[in-house]
Amino acid sequence: MQQVVPEKDPLPGAVIAVQTFGDFLGFNPHCHILLTDGCFYGDRGMFRIAPPLEIKKLEAIFRHKVFRMLLKKGKITEELVKMLSAWKHSGFNVFCGNRISPKDDSAMENLARYIIRASFSQERMQYLEQEGKVVYTAKDKKNSKSFQALEWLAAMCSHIPNRGEQMVRYYGYYSNVARGKRKQKGTDDIIPGILEPVENNKAFRKNWARLIQKIYEVDPLICPKCKGAMRIISFIEDPSVIREILMHLGLWLVRSRPPHKIHDPPNIEYATADLLIQPHTDTIYGDPEYTWDDYIQS
């Protein structure tokens, strides 16, 4: 958001609720996020709307950050990351709902209730005392699942946060620090003036490129040998020429997919060879493993 807002010191705001449960209390970690569709700036609470997010790119960056975090903590291996990165479907998903108007109080209240909803609904739960079982009905009211009473309690307890752990977190404009500064200045209750986005889709995509470079810590216009800045002389668009260059560099062919292991998930779908690139020689996070232009064209 800060990349696409031209004003000085722009500040977006977010409320993030960490969720761990699925429909039948299965462990399904995900985040529900209320995000400003732009940034606040200035002392008088002006607000600049940003162009729409590009969901596929956001999903790829989110996956990259999660993998890097798990690698740093030693929870997964580089081999596992390479295998997961070769899947046709990433296993991650980012959904972005429609914008909510500042005057639509009902929609804002409904969304706020949803992001902090409880792990189960008492109305959909039925306790069979004689059998010592709990029958829970799915959200679509078509399916149900039966649990032993102790099994149901164990499933519920697995979603109780640790002592002192905050499941709802506030960032940016909505953080306690930012709110405290506005209260000191007496500007916390000011209704911001809303301005429309100033950039078109083409300019917004260029800003995405800068964001990707920041996330992956790699700049394609920096010479890998002398670290000096390079400039684009021309573009090669002829497929036959591109193939010859890549074959000369040994980058045209990709490794065959790894064999299935006993502990691999069933029905793994791998990306076709033409969608993959050769892994980076130093680290798997040297470069993105997907083509951003494909997402733009789709």
Protein backbone atom coordinates (compact mmCIF):
# COMPACT_ATOMS: atom_id res chain seq x y z
CA MET A 1 0.00 0.00 0.00
CA GLN A 2 2.80 2.42 0.85
CA GLN A 3 4.45 1.71 -2.52
CA VAL A 4 1.51 3.01 -4.54
CA VAL A 5 0.52 6.09 -2.51
CA PRO A 6 2.52 9.14 -3.65
CA GLU A 7 2.07 11.23 -0.49
CA LYS A 8 4.80 11.58 2.14
CA ASP A 9 4.86 9.08 5.03
CA PRO A 10 1.68 7.16 4.10
CA LEU A 11 0.36 4.75 6.74
CA PRO A 12 -2.09 1.89 6.09
CA GLY A 13 -4.01 0.18 8.87
CA ALA A 14 -4.86 -3.47 9.53
CA VAL A 15 -6.64 -5.61 12.09
CA ILE A 16 -5.57 -9.26 11.88
CA ALA A 17 -7.34 -12.13 13.63
CA VAL A 18 -5.40 -15.40 13.77
CA GLN A 19 -7.67 -18.42 13.22
CA THR A 20 -6.74 -22.10 13.60
CA PHE A 21 -9.96 -23.99 13.02
CA GLY A 22 -11.91 -25.43 10.12
CA ASP A 23 -15.58 -26.38 9.87
CA PHE A 24 -15.31 -29.45 12.12
CA LEU A 25 -12.64 -28.00 14.44
CA GLY A 26 -9.85 -29.40 12.27
CA PHE A 27 -6.56 -27.53 12.50
CA ASN A 28 -6.61 -25.06 9.61
CA PRO A 29 -4.32 -22.05 10.27
CA HIS A 30 -5.28 -18.84 8.47
CA CYS A 31 -5.71 -15.11 9.05
CA HIS A 32 -8.76 -12.89 8.76
CA ILE A 33 -7.70 -9.36 7.92
CA LEU A 34 -9.43 -6.00 7.89
CA LEU A 35 -7.21 -3.77 5.74
CA THR A 36 -7.57 -0.19 4.66
CA ASP A 37 -7.75 0.03 0.87
CA GLY A 38 -5.16 2.78 0.87
CA CYS A 39 -3.12 4.91 3.29
CA PHE A 40 -3.65 7.76 5.73
CA TYR A 41 -1.23 10.67 5.57
CA GLY A 42 -0.71 14.15 6.99
CA ASP A 43 -1.82 15.61 10.33
CA ARG A 44 -5.44 16.14 9.26
CA GLY A 45 -6.21 12.51 8.47
CA MET A 46 -6.34 12.58 4.68
CA PHE A 47 -6.76 9.19 3.01
CA ARG A 48 -5.57 8.10 -0.44
CA ILE A 49 -7.26 5.05 -2.00
CA ALA A 50 -4.84 2.55 -3.60
CA PRO A 51 -5.42 0.56 -6.80
CA PRO A 52 -6.76 -3.00 -6.31
CA LEU A 53 -4.40 -5.67 -5.03
CA GLU A 54 -3.04 -8.29 -7.42
CA ILE A 55 -4.11 -11.41 -5.53
CA LYS A 56 -1.95 -14.03 -7.28
CA LYS A 57 1.23 -12.08 -6.62
CA LEU A 58 0.21 -11.47 -3.03
CA GLU A 59 -0.40 -15.21 -2.61
CA ALA A 60 3.05 -16.04 -3.97
CA ILE A 61 4.75 -13.55 -1.64
CA PHE A 62 2.75 -14.87 1.32
CA ARG A 63 3.85 -18.44 0.55
CA HIS A 64 7.48 -17.32 0.23
CA LYS A 65 7.40 -15.55 3.61
CA VAL A 66 5.83 -18.56 5.37
CA PHE A 67 8.37 -20.98 3.90
CA ARG A 68 11.27 -18.72 4.88
CA MET A 69 9.92 -18.40 8.43
CA LEU A 70 9.50 -22.18 8.82
CA LEU A 71 12.99 -22.78 7.41
CA LYS A 72 14.49 -20.29 9.85
CA LYS A 73 12.77 -22.05 12.76
CA GLY A 74 13.95 -25.44 11.53
CA LYS A 75 10.41 -26.78 11.09
CA ILE A 76 10.91 -27.82 7.44
CA THR A 77 13.81 -28.59 5.12
CA GLU A 78 14.90 -27.03 1.82
CA GLU A 79 14.11 -30.32 0.07
CA LEU A 80 10.52 -30.14 1.30
CA VAL A 81 10.22 -26.53 0.17
CA LYS A 82 11.48 -27.45 -3.30
CA MET A 83 8.94 -30.24 -3.53
CA LEU A 84 6.06 -28.01 -2.36
CA SER A 85 7.14 -25.26 -4.75
CA ALA A 86 6.81 -27.70 -7.65
CA TRP A 87 3.12 -28.36 -6.95
CA LYS A 88 0.70 -27.07 -9.55
CA HIS A 89 -1.46 -25.69 -6.73
CA SER A 90 0.59 -23.92 -4.07
CA GLY A 91 -1.54 -25.00 -1.10
CA PHE A 92 -1.90 -21.32 -0.16
CA ASN A 93 -4.81 -19.06 -0.93
CA VAL A 94 -5.46 -15.33 -0.61
CA PHE A 95 -9.00 -14.01 -0.94
CA CYS A 96 -9.86 -10.34 -1.11
CA GLY A 97 -13.48 -9.29 -0.70
CA ASN A 98 -15.16 -6.22 -2.12
CA ARG A 99 -14.43 -2.78 -0.76
CA ILE A 100 -16.77 -1.58 1.97
CA SER A 101 -18.01 1.98 1.87
CA PRO A 102 -17.26 4.11 4.98
CA LYS A 103 -21.02 4.68 5.35
CA ASP A 104 -21.96 0.98 5.17
CA ASP A 105 -22.11 0.34 8.93
CA SER A 106 -23.98 -2.94 8.55
CA ALA A 107 -21.36 -4.48 6.24
CA MET A 108 -18.51 -3.34 8.50
CA GLU A 109 -20.19 -4.83 11.58
CA ASN A 110 -20.86 -8.16 9.83
CA LEU A 111 -17.28 -8.40 8.61
CA ALA A 112 -15.86 -7.48 12.03
CA ARG A 113 -17.96 -10.22 13.63
CA TYR A 114 -16.80 -12.76 11.08
CA ILE A 115 -13.08 -12.20 11.52
CA ILE A 116 -13.27 -12.88 15.29
CA ARG A 117 -15.90 -15.63 15.15
CA ALA A 118 -15.70 -18.48 17.64
CA SER A 119 -14.24 -21.86 16.73
CA PHE A 120 -17.65 -23.54 16.87
CA SER A 121 -21.35 -22.68 16.89
CA GLN A 122 -23.42 -23.83 19.84
CA GLU A 123 -26.54 -23.83 17.65
CA ARG A 124 -24.98 -26.44 15.36
CA MET A 125 -23.83 -28.67 18.23
CA GLN A 126 -26.01 -31.43 19.70
CA TYR A 127 -24.96 -33.43 22.77
CA LEU A 128 -26.29 -37.01 23.01
CA GLU A 129 -26.00 -37.60 26.73
CA GLN A 130 -26.97 -41.28 26.69
CA GLU A 131 -24.37 -42.12 24.02
CA GLY A 132 -21.71 -39.73 25.27
CA LYS A 133 -21.36 -38.19 21.81
CA VAL A 134 -21.47 -34.78 20.19
CA VAL A 135 -23.04 -34.36 16.74
CA TYR A 136 -21.87 -31.25 14.92
CA THR A 137 -23.54 -29.94 11.76
CA ALA A 138 -21.51 -28.26 9.03
CA LYS A 139 -22.00 -24.64 8.03
CA ASP A 140 -23.89 -25.70 4.90
CA LYS A 141 -26.30 -27.70 7.12
CA LYS A 142 -25.97 -30.67 4.74
CA ASN A 143 -23.23 -32.67 6.47
CA SER A 144 -22.64 -33.61 10.08
CA LYS A 145 -19.97 -35.43 12.06
CA SER A 146 -20.18 -37.43 15.28
CA PHE A 147 -17.51 -37.10 17.99
CA GLN A 148 -16.96 -38.91 21.26
CA ALA A 149 -17.46 -36.38 24.05
CA LEU A 150 -13.78 -36.46 25.13
CA GLU A 151 -12.66 -36.28 21.50
CA TRP A 152 -14.80 -33.17 21.02
CA LEU A 153 -13.32 -31.53 24.13
CA ALA A 154 -9.80 -32.36 22.92
CA ALA A 155 -10.53 -30.79 19.53
CA MET A 156 -11.83 -27.63 21.23
CA CYS A 157 -8.84 -27.38 23.57
CA SER A 158 -6.41 -27.52 20.63
CA HIS A 159 -7.67 -24.08 19.55
CA ILE A 160 -7.34 -22.35 22.93
CA PRO A 161 -4.45 -19.83 22.70
CA ASN A 162 -1.58 -19.87 25.16
CA ARG A 163 -1.73 -17.60 28.16
CA GLY A 164 -1.08 -14.02 27.14
CA GLU A 165 -1.18 -14.81 23.43
CA GLN A 166 -3.03 -12.16 21.41
CA MET A 167 -5.18 -13.60 18.62
CA VAL A 168 -6.34 -10.18 17.38
CA ARG A 169 -3.56 -7.76 16.47
CA TYR A 170 -3.54 -4.14 15.31
CA TYR A 171 -1.01 -2.65 12.89
CA GLY A 172 -0.14 0.68 11.31
CA TYR A 173 -2.80 3.35 11.66
CA TYR A 174 -4.81 1.16 14.05
CA SER A 175 -1.91 0.27 16.37
CA ASN A 176 -1.93 1.47 19.98
CA VAL A 177 1.14 3.63 19.35
CA ALA A 178 -0.47 5.43 16.39
CA ARG A 179 -3.76 5.90 18.25
CA GLY A 180 -1.94 7.26 21.29
CA LYS A 181 -0.16 9.87 19.18
CA ARG A 182 -3.44 10.98 17.60
CA LYS A 183 -5.11 11.30 21.01
CA GLN A 184 -2.27 13.52 22.23
CA LYS A 185 -2.77 15.76 19.19
CA GLY A 186 -6.57 15.64 19.52
CA THR A 187 -6.97 14.30 15.98
CA ASP A 188 -8.22 10.77 16.72
CA ASP A 189 -11.87 11.61 15.94
CA ILE A 190 -11.22 13.46 12.68
CA ILE A 191 -13.12 12.06 9.70
CA PRO A 192 -10.55 11.69 6.91
CA GLY A 193 -10.99 13.22 3.48
CA ILE A 194 -10.91 10.44 0.87
CA LEU A 195 -8.99 10.85 -2.39
CA GLU A 196 -9.19 8.50 -5.37
CA PRO A 197 -6.09 6.61 -6.64
CA VAL A 198 -3.76 8.61 -8.87
CA GLU A 199 -2.05 5.77 -10.75
CA ASN A 200 -3.31 3.52 -13.53
CA ASN A 201 -2.89 -0.25 -13.68
CA LYS A 202 0.36 -0.06 -15.67
CA ALA A 203 2.02 2.18 -13.11
CA PHE A 204 0.67 0.01 -10.31
CA ARG A 205 2.34 -3.07 -11.81
CA LYS A 206 5.68 -1.26 -11.79
CA ASN A 207 5.21 -0.64 -8.08
CA TRP A 208 4.52 -4.36 -7.64
CA ALA A 209 7.89 -5.05 -9.25
CA ARG A 210 9.59 -2.87 -6.64
CA LEU A 211 7.69 -4.65 -3.87
CA ILE A 212 8.76 -8.05 -5.19
CA GLN A 213 12.39 -6.92 -5.28
CA LYS A 214 12.09 -5.81 -1.66
CA ILE A 215 10.52 -9.09 -0.52
CA TYR A 216 12.94 -11.39 -2.35
CA GLU A 217 15.93 -9.13 -1.72
CA VAL A 218 17.06 -9.39 -5.34
CA ASP A 219 17.22 -6.76 -8.07
CA PRO A 220 17.41 -8.08 -11.67
CA LEU A 221 19.08 -4.82 -12.76
CA ILE A 222 22.07 -5.25 -10.43
CA CYS A 223 25.11 -6.96 -11.99
CA PRO A 224 25.84 -10.18 -10.03
CA LYS A 225 29.59 -9.77 -10.62
CA CYS A 226 30.46 -6.10 -10.05
CA LYS A 227 27.20 -5.15 -8.23
CA GLY A 228 26.85 -2.15 -10.50
CA ALA A 229 23.55 -0.89 -11.91
CA MET A 230 22.57 -2.23 -15.34
CA ARG A 231 20.19 -0.70 -17.85
CA ILE A 232 17.84 -2.34 -20.32
CA ILE A 233 19.19 -2.08 -23.87
CA SER A 234 16.54 -4.10 -25.70
CA PHE A 235 13.95 -6.84 -25.28
CA ILE A 236 14.23 -10.27 -26.93
CA GLU A 237 10.77 -11.53 -27.92
CA ASP A 238 11.56 -14.19 -30.54
CA PRO A 239 10.88 -17.61 -28.86
CA SER A 240 13.53 -19.40 -30.93
CA VAL A 241 16.22 -16.89 -29.94
CA ILE A 242 15.19 -17.10 -26.28
CA ARG A 243 15.42 -20.89 -26.43
CA GLU A 244 18.90 -20.83 -27.96
CA ILE A 245 20.16 -18.44 -25.27
CA LEU A 246 18.70 -20.51 -22.43
CA MET A 247 20.04 -23.75 -23.93
CA HIS A 248 23.51 -22.18 -24.21
CA LEU A 249 23.33 -21.19 -20.52
CA GLY A 250 22.03 -24.62 -19.53
CA LEU A 251 18.75 -23.19 -18.24
CA TRP A 252 16.32 -24.60 -20.78
CA LEU A 253 15.87 -28.10 -19.34
CA VAL A 254 14.55 -28.56 -15.81
CA ARG A 255 15.02 -31.40 -13.42
CA SER A 256 12.50 -34.19 -13.57
CA ARG A 257 10.02 -34.23 -10.74
CA PRO A 258 11.18 -36.08 -7.60
CA PRO A 259 9.84 -39.59 -6.97
CA HIS A 260 7.00 -40.02 -4.51
CA LYS A 261 8.03 -40.72 -0.95
CA ILE A 262 6.10 -42.78 1.55
CA HIS A 263 5.22 -39.75 3.65
CA ASP A 264 4.20 -37.58 0.69
CA PRO A 265 0.55 -36.42 0.57
CA PRO A 266 -1.62 -38.40 -1.87
CA ASN A 267 -2.54 -37.15 -5.32
CA ILE A 268 0.28 -34.62 -5.59
CA GLU A 269 -0.03 -32.47 -8.68
CA TYR A 270 3.24 -31.21 -10.11
CA ALA A 271 3.70 -28.25 -12.38
CA THR A 272 4.51 -29.03 -15.96
CA ALA A 273 8.13 -28.54 -17.01
CA ASP A 274 7.44 -25.38 -18.98
CA LEU A 275 6.16 -23.65 -15.84
CA LEU A 276 9.28 -24.31 -13.78
CA ILE A 277 12.73 -22.79 -13.84
CA GLN A 278 16.07 -24.14 -12.73
CA PRO A 279 16.48 -23.75 -8.95
CA HIS A 280 18.95 -21.12 -7.81
CA THR A 281 22.43 -22.55 -7.18
CA ASP A 282 23.05 -20.76 -3.88
CA THR A 283 19.71 -20.65 -2.14
CA ILE A 284 16.16 -21.52 -3.06
CA TYR A 285 15.18 -17.96 -2.23
CA GLY A 286 17.58 -16.35 -4.67
CA ASP A 287 14.82 -15.70 -7.22
CA PRO A 288 11.07 -16.23 -7.46
CA GLU A 289 10.11 -19.60 -8.94
CA TYR A 290 7.27 -18.28 -11.07
CA THR A 291 6.81 -15.74 -13.85
CA TRP A 292 5.04 -12.55 -12.87
CA ASP A 293 4.13 -11.80 -16.49
CA ASP A 294 2.02 -14.99 -16.56
CA TYR A 295 -0.06 -13.64 -13.70
CA ILE A 296 -0.41 -10.26 -15.36
CA GLN A 297 -1.57 -11.80 -18.63
CA SER A 298 -4.05 -14.10 -16.89
